[in-house]
Every structure is written in structure tokens, then in C-alpha cells.
Amino acid sequence: MVAILQGDRIGKTGVLAVGCEAAIFDESGARILIIRRRDNGMWCQPGGHIEPGESVAEACAREVKEETGLAVEVLRLVGIYSDSHRVAEYADGNRFHAIVLSFEARMIGGSLHDSDESSEMGFFTPEEIKQMDYMMPLYERIMDAFARREAAFVR
């Protein structure tokens, strides 16, 4: 189970962790892929920690494959997110102040299926996502992806 905690500079109570996530649009470009996490039942973009020896693009593609079954090509950096007022706290008490690189990626193979980490997934519009039980930073990040801005967001 993972919970997102907020507070003034609460990031100081966690260990720095670098991760990545993927913004994957459907063919129309009107909907984005999100997954329901098995550990807390909340919705988020596919992604996770970058492993030693991996490039950020390799990590992004690996995490998407593990969580969704899709093979992807990383296209561009959407944004870098490092909110010092937010930590992820896991059931074992470990806290992580995440630095997340969000990439736009496109599907190049595979097929959607659940995994050990995801119980459900689908393509949704921002309006549909707004009504869902999602992890706190999700909505801002998907709106940044939908902006399709040339320069990356730094938040």
C-alpha cells in the first residue's frame, strides 16, 4: 500500500527516488492511458523507479511493459516533477521524495493486460479522469501531457 502525504517540506522526511512515467495517448489523441494500482486501488500513469544501469528511456519502456503489456517508444519529455511538499509512504514506513520524469510515449506493440502491479487500465479523457480516484499528482501531469508544449514543464 502506498499513500501520498503532503506537508510543508515533508520531502525532507523521505529518501530521494528517481522514477519515470509514460503519457500514452490513444490513436485519436483525445484519451490517455492510466492504470489502477493493485496496492492502493488508485489510478495513475504507468511508471516506476529507474534501475541502476538503465537509461531513463529504457526504464520508462520497461515499466510500461511490466504494468500494461505494451511495448512503447519514448518520444519526448513532458515534464520533471519534484514537489518538496509531498512524499510517498509505503506500508513498511519507508518514505520517498520522488523526482519523476514524465515522458510521452507511443505504442509500438504488445497488448493491454493487467499485471502484478495493475488490476485495471484504459484510455480516458481528462474529464473522465477528474471523476476517478487518482493519485494526487496525476491530473496535473496528464494536463501537462495534453498541453503538448514543446518545452518540458518543471514543477
Foldseek 3Di string as FASTA:
>chain_A
DKAKAFDDLCQVVAAEFEKEFEWEADPVNQWTKWFQWPVPRAIATFMDGDDPPDDRQRRHQVRCCQAFFFGKGFDAWLAWEFDSRMWMADPVGHIYRYTYTYTYIYTDDTGGDGHPTGDDMDIDGLVVNVPGRHHPVHSVSNVSVSVVDPDHYYD
